[in-house]
Amino acid sequence: MSAARKLDLTSVIGVPIGLGCILAGQMLEGGTIQSILQFTAAIIVFGGTLGAVLLSFTLAEVRRAWFALRDVFWDQHRSADETIGIIGRFATKARRDGIMSLEDEVDQVADPFMKRGFMLAVDGTNPSTLRAMLDAESGSLEDAEESPAKVYEAAGGYAPTVGILGAVLGLIHVMENLSDPNKLGAGIAVAFVATVYGVGSANLLFLPIASKLRTKALQKAKHRELVMEGILAIQEGQNPRLIDQKLRGLLSGDESVARAAGKPARAA
């Protein structure tokens, strides 16, 4: 079963819309983009947030979160119809020739989770043991897939607070230079822009990224559930038609709506 990668349009469109509308509002109010470009404020907010994240997570978790960014903007599709079709074909063959006849077919399966599940079934693993093993593996995979989301959620929590810290530092600088009016403007600018950077980055980047990663992790978990139920049904020798109906009943609501509208549905 192949999985095609394509751009996630909602992520690609969402970032420029969010940032673009804020910058457009700034300009419509008579401000300039240069007025919110403060290098000092950026160092305080993003440097401080990075430090807090590094203190909260291991280096391996931070690296995994960095590489997970590609999953925010690139979507890996696995068609639900294709998955159910493969399981249905295997169910028909197993019912006709026995589950051992799937041994050669399993080697052609691209999905690692599906491949391991069928191999265990072909090897004669007890159904309850097989379910427990697949459940455990799916749970471990889900934890690993949600780990990057936790990193970005933490960053989204730290950034506004660090932004406030930057604002306070800017005001301290202002108070220290009340006798020098030439330095007041820069200090006030850092104070307010640091808050903008903290709140803006949290609500426009870090938290939305975490939400998207959690959504995709959930979709993958649902796909593994679909595969697991199909394998167990084949092992039990259920009728291929009943297996097909059972699996289609497990599809999420958006997939059912897409199918009813005549559009190809997708599984995670």
Protein backbone atom coordinates (compact mmCIF):
# COMPACT_ATOMS: atom_id res chain seq x y z
CA MET A 1 0.00 0.00 0.00
CA SER A 2 1.61 3.21 -1.13
CA ALA A 3 1.37 6.53 0.66
CA ALA A 4 1.57 9.71 -1.41
CA ARG A 5 2.96 12.89 0.11
CA LYS A 6 1.39 16.19 -0.86
CA LEU A 7 1.19 19.69 0.51
CA ASP A 8 -1.19 20.27 3.41
CA LEU A 9 -3.01 23.27 1.98
CA THR A 10 -4.59 24.39 5.26
CA SER A 11 -1.15 24.76 6.85
CA VAL A 12 0.41 26.37 3.80
CA ILE A 13 -2.44 28.88 3.52
CA GLY A 14 -2.96 29.42 7.25
CA VAL A 15 0.50 30.82 8.06
CA PRO A 16 0.52 33.66 5.48
CA ILE A 17 -3.12 34.50 6.18
CA GLY A 18 -2.51 34.86 9.91
CA LEU A 19 0.72 36.84 9.63
CA GLY A 20 -0.43 38.78 6.57
CA CYS A 21 -3.65 40.03 8.17
CA ILE A 22 -1.80 41.22 11.28
CA LEU A 23 0.80 43.06 9.21
CA ALA A 24 -1.93 44.52 7.00
CA GLY A 25 -3.78 45.78 10.07
CA GLN A 26 -0.57 47.34 11.34
CA MET A 27 -0.10 49.20 8.08
CA LEU A 28 -3.76 50.26 7.86
CA GLU A 29 -3.41 51.85 11.29
CA GLY A 30 -0.55 53.93 9.93
CA GLY A 31 2.26 51.83 11.36
CA THR A 32 5.17 50.29 9.50
CA ILE A 33 6.61 46.79 9.41
CA GLN A 34 9.96 48.19 10.53
CA SER A 35 8.42 49.37 13.80
CA ILE A 36 7.73 45.78 14.89
CA LEU A 37 11.06 44.40 13.71
CA GLN A 38 13.11 44.57 16.91
CA PHE A 39 16.17 42.32 17.00
CA THR A 40 16.60 42.72 20.77
CA ALA A 41 13.01 41.67 21.46
CA ALA A 42 13.40 38.67 19.14
CA ILE A 43 16.50 37.51 21.00
CA ILE A 44 14.75 37.79 24.37
CA VAL A 45 11.54 36.01 23.34
CA PHE A 46 12.75 33.29 20.99
CA GLY A 47 16.04 32.71 22.79
CA GLY A 48 14.32 32.53 26.16
CA THR A 49 11.59 30.22 24.81
CA LEU A 50 14.18 27.92 23.25
CA GLY A 51 16.10 27.75 26.51
CA ALA A 52 12.95 26.87 28.47
CA VAL A 53 12.04 24.16 25.93
CA LEU A 54 15.53 22.67 26.06
CA LEU A 55 15.32 22.58 29.84
CA SER A 56 11.92 20.85 29.68
CA PHE A 57 12.68 18.14 27.11
CA THR A 58 15.54 15.92 26.04
CA LEU A 59 17.61 16.76 22.99
CA ALA A 60 16.13 13.77 21.16
CA GLU A 61 12.59 15.06 21.77
CA VAL A 62 13.50 18.56 20.55
CA ARG A 63 15.15 17.13 17.43
CA ARG A 64 12.10 15.00 16.74
CA ALA A 65 9.87 18.06 17.11
CA TRP A 66 12.03 20.01 14.65
CA PHE A 67 11.85 17.30 12.00
CA ALA A 68 8.11 16.91 12.63
CA LEU A 69 7.57 20.34 11.07
CA ARG A 70 7.54 18.71 7.65
CA ASP A 71 4.44 16.76 8.74
CA VAL A 72 2.69 20.07 9.40
CA PHE A 73 3.13 21.23 5.81
CA TRP A 74 3.26 17.86 4.05
CA ASP A 75 0.46 15.34 4.30
CA GLN A 76 1.00 11.62 3.89
CA HIS A 77 -2.17 10.11 2.51
CA ARG A 78 -3.35 6.55 2.82
CA SER A 79 -6.68 5.97 1.16
CA ALA A 80 -9.22 4.28 3.43
CA ASP A 81 -10.73 2.60 0.38
CA GLU A 82 -7.29 1.30 -0.60
CA THR A 83 -6.66 -0.04 2.90
CA ILE A 84 -10.06 -1.72 3.10
CA GLY A 85 -9.56 -3.05 -0.44
CA ILE A 86 -6.28 -4.74 0.52
CA ILE A 87 -7.81 -6.24 3.65
CA GLY A 88 -10.83 -7.40 1.64
CA ARG A 89 -8.58 -9.08 -0.94
CA PHE A 90 -6.62 -10.80 1.80
CA ALA A 91 -9.86 -11.86 3.51
CA THR A 92 -11.16 -13.46 0.32
CA LYS A 93 -7.91 -15.32 -0.29
CA ALA A 94 -7.65 -16.46 3.34
CA ARG A 95 -11.24 -17.71 3.35
CA ARG A 96 -10.65 -19.64 0.12
CA ASP A 97 -7.12 -20.98 0.62
CA GLY A 98 -6.46 -20.55 4.34
CA ILE A 99 -4.61 -17.81 6.19
CA MET A 100 -1.24 -19.44 5.46
CA SER A 101 -1.77 -18.57 1.79
CA LEU A 102 -1.20 -14.90 2.65
CA GLU A 103 2.47 -15.41 3.46
CA ASP A 104 3.71 -14.36 0.02
CA GLU A 105 1.19 -11.51 -0.21
CA VAL A 106 2.29 -10.00 3.09
CA ASP A 107 5.80 -9.35 1.78
CA GLN A 108 4.33 -6.85 -0.71
CA VAL A 109 2.60 -4.75 1.96
CA ALA A 110 4.26 -1.32 2.37
CA ASP A 111 2.61 -0.31 5.66
CA PRO A 112 4.94 -1.62 8.43
CA PHE A 113 2.15 -1.92 11.01
CA MET A 114 -0.10 -3.85 8.64
CA LYS A 115 2.79 -6.04 7.52
CA ARG A 116 3.76 -7.01 11.08
CA GLY A 117 0.15 -7.70 12.00
CA PHE A 118 -0.42 -10.03 9.07
CA MET A 119 2.88 -11.79 9.68
CA LEU A 120 1.86 -12.50 13.26
CA ALA A 121 -1.53 -13.73 12.10
CA VAL A 122 0.02 -16.00 9.46
CA ASP A 123 2.41 -17.37 12.09
CA GLY A 124 -0.62 -18.55 14.08
CA THR A 125 -0.45 -16.05 16.96
CA ASN A 126 -3.33 -16.42 19.41
CA PRO A 127 -6.05 -13.80 18.62
CA SER A 128 -6.02 -12.31 22.14
CA THR A 129 -2.23 -12.18 22.13
CA LEU A 130 -2.24 -10.64 18.65
CA ARG A 131 -4.69 -7.93 19.72
CA ALA A 132 -2.61 -7.16 22.82
CA MET A 133 0.60 -6.93 20.78
CA LEU A 134 -0.92 -4.68 18.12
CA ASP A 135 -2.60 -2.51 20.77
CA ALA A 136 0.72 -2.09 22.58
CA GLU A 137 2.58 -1.23 19.38
CA SER A 138 -0.11 1.23 18.30
CA GLY A 139 -0.02 2.89 21.72
CA SER A 140 3.76 3.24 21.59
CA LEU A 141 3.58 4.72 18.11
CA GLU A 142 0.89 7.15 19.19
CA ASP A 143 3.00 8.33 22.13
CA ALA A 144 5.96 8.89 19.81
CA GLU A 145 3.79 10.73 17.27
CA GLU A 146 2.34 13.02 19.96
CA SER A 147 5.74 13.83 21.48
CA PRO A 148 6.50 16.69 19.03
CA ALA A 149 3.12 18.25 19.76
CA LYS A 150 3.99 18.41 23.47
CA VAL A 151 7.19 20.31 22.65
CA TYR A 152 5.32 22.96 20.65
CA GLU A 153 2.59 23.19 23.27
CA ALA A 154 5.26 23.91 25.87
CA ALA A 155 6.80 26.56 23.62
CA GLY A 156 3.35 28.11 23.21
CA GLY A 157 3.04 28.31 26.98
CA TYR A 158 6.49 29.78 27.58
CA ALA A 159 6.58 32.38 24.77
CA PRO A 160 3.94 34.83 26.14
CA THR A 161 5.53 34.74 29.60
CA VAL A 162 8.99 35.36 28.17
CA GLY A 163 7.44 38.18 26.14
CA ILE A 164 6.19 39.78 29.34
CA LEU A 165 9.67 39.35 30.79
CA GLY A 166 11.05 41.17 27.76
CA ALA A 167 8.52 43.95 28.28
CA VAL A 168 9.57 44.37 31.90
CA LEU A 169 13.25 44.47 30.90
CA GLY A 170 12.44 47.14 28.33
CA LEU A 171 10.60 49.23 30.90
CA ILE A 172 13.50 48.88 33.33
CA HIS A 173 15.77 50.22 30.61
CA VAL A 174 13.37 53.12 30.08
CA MET A 175 13.30 53.97 33.77
CA GLU A 176 17.10 53.94 33.92
CA ASN A 177 17.30 56.48 31.11
CA LEU A 178 14.54 58.95 31.98
CA SER A 179 17.13 61.70 31.90
CA ASP A 180 18.06 60.82 28.30
CA PRO A 181 15.00 61.21 26.03
CA ASN A 182 16.91 59.80 23.05
CA LYS A 183 16.94 56.34 24.63
CA LEU A 184 13.34 56.25 25.79
CA GLY A 185 11.85 55.37 22.41
CA ALA A 186 14.04 52.30 21.88
CA GLY A 187 13.35 50.95 25.35
CA ILE A 188 9.58 51.36 25.03
CA ALA A 189 9.67 49.75 21.58
CA VAL A 190 11.47 46.68 22.92
CA ALA A 191 8.98 46.46 25.78
CA PHE A 192 5.88 46.37 23.60
CA VAL A 193 7.34 44.43 20.68
CA ALA A 194 8.58 41.66 23.01
CA THR A 195 5.00 41.16 24.18
CA VAL A 196 3.79 41.06 20.58
CA TYR A 197 6.42 38.46 19.68
CA GLY A 198 5.56 36.29 22.68
CA VAL A 199 1.78 36.30 22.28
CA GLY A 200 1.93 36.26 18.48
CA SER A 201 4.34 33.35 18.16
CA ALA A 202 2.40 31.29 20.70
CA ASN A 203 -1.02 31.76 19.10
CA LEU A 204 -0.03 31.96 15.44
CA LEU A 205 2.73 29.33 15.33
CA PHE A 206 3.52 27.14 18.34
CA LEU A 207 0.01 26.20 19.51
CA PRO A 208 -1.46 25.74 15.99
CA ILE A 209 1.51 23.54 15.05
CA ALA A 210 0.92 21.43 18.16
CA SER A 211 -2.76 21.13 17.31
CA LYS A 212 -2.03 20.01 13.74
CA LEU A 213 0.51 17.43 14.91
CA ARG A 214 -1.97 16.03 17.46
CA THR A 215 -4.66 15.80 14.80
CA LYS A 216 -2.40 13.87 12.46
CA ALA A 217 -1.25 11.58 15.27
CA LEU A 218 -4.90 10.80 16.00
CA GLN A 219 -5.59 10.08 12.33
CA LYS A 220 -2.69 7.65 12.20
CA ALA A 221 -3.95 5.93 15.34
CA LYS A 222 -7.40 5.53 13.76
CA HIS A 223 -5.80 4.05 10.66
CA ARG A 224 -3.94 1.48 12.78
CA GLU A 225 -7.22 0.60 14.53
CA LEU A 226 -8.79 -0.02 11.12
CA VAL A 227 -5.90 -2.28 10.13
CA MET A 228 -5.92 -4.16 13.44
CA GLU A 229 -9.65 -4.89 13.32
CA GLY A 230 -9.33 -6.10 9.74
CA ILE A 231 -6.47 -8.48 10.55
CA LEU A 232 -8.27 -9.93 13.57
CA ALA A 233 -11.46 -10.40 11.56
CA ILE A 234 -9.52 -12.29 8.87
CA GLN A 235 -7.86 -14.45 11.50
CA GLU A 236 -11.31 -15.31 12.88
CA GLY A 237 -12.43 -16.37 9.40
CA GLN A 238 -15.21 -13.81 9.07
CA ASN A 239 -17.03 -13.30 5.78
CA PRO A 240 -15.19 -10.75 3.56
CA ARG A 241 -18.42 -8.78 3.04
CA LEU A 242 -18.98 -8.52 6.77
CA ILE A 243 -15.37 -7.41 7.24
CA ASP A 244 -15.82 -4.71 4.61
CA GLN A 245 -18.97 -3.39 6.31
CA LYS A 246 -17.34 -3.50 9.73
CA LEU A 247 -14.30 -1.53 8.60
CA ARG A 248 -16.34 1.07 6.77
CA GLY A 249 -18.33 1.55 9.94
CA LEU A 250 -15.10 2.49 11.71
CA LEU A 251 -14.33 5.33 9.30
CA SER A 252 -14.43 8.83 10.71
CA GLY A 253 -17.31 11.17 9.97
CA ASP A 254 -15.44 13.29 7.41
CA GLU A 255 -14.58 10.17 5.42
CA SER A 256 -18.21 9.04 5.44
CA VAL A 257 -19.33 12.46 4.22
CA ALA A 258 -16.68 12.43 1.47
CA ARG A 259 -17.82 8.98 0.33
CA ALA A 260 -21.48 10.03 0.31
CA ALA A 261 -20.52 13.02 -1.86
CA GLY A 262 -18.70 10.76 -4.30
CA LYS A 263 -15.24 11.97 -3.30
CA PRO A 264 -12.31 9.69 -2.48
CA ALA A 265 -12.01 9.31 1.30
CA ARG A 266 -8.70 9.16 3.10
CA ALA A 267 -7.39 7.39 6.11
CA ALA A 268 -4.52 8.69 8.09
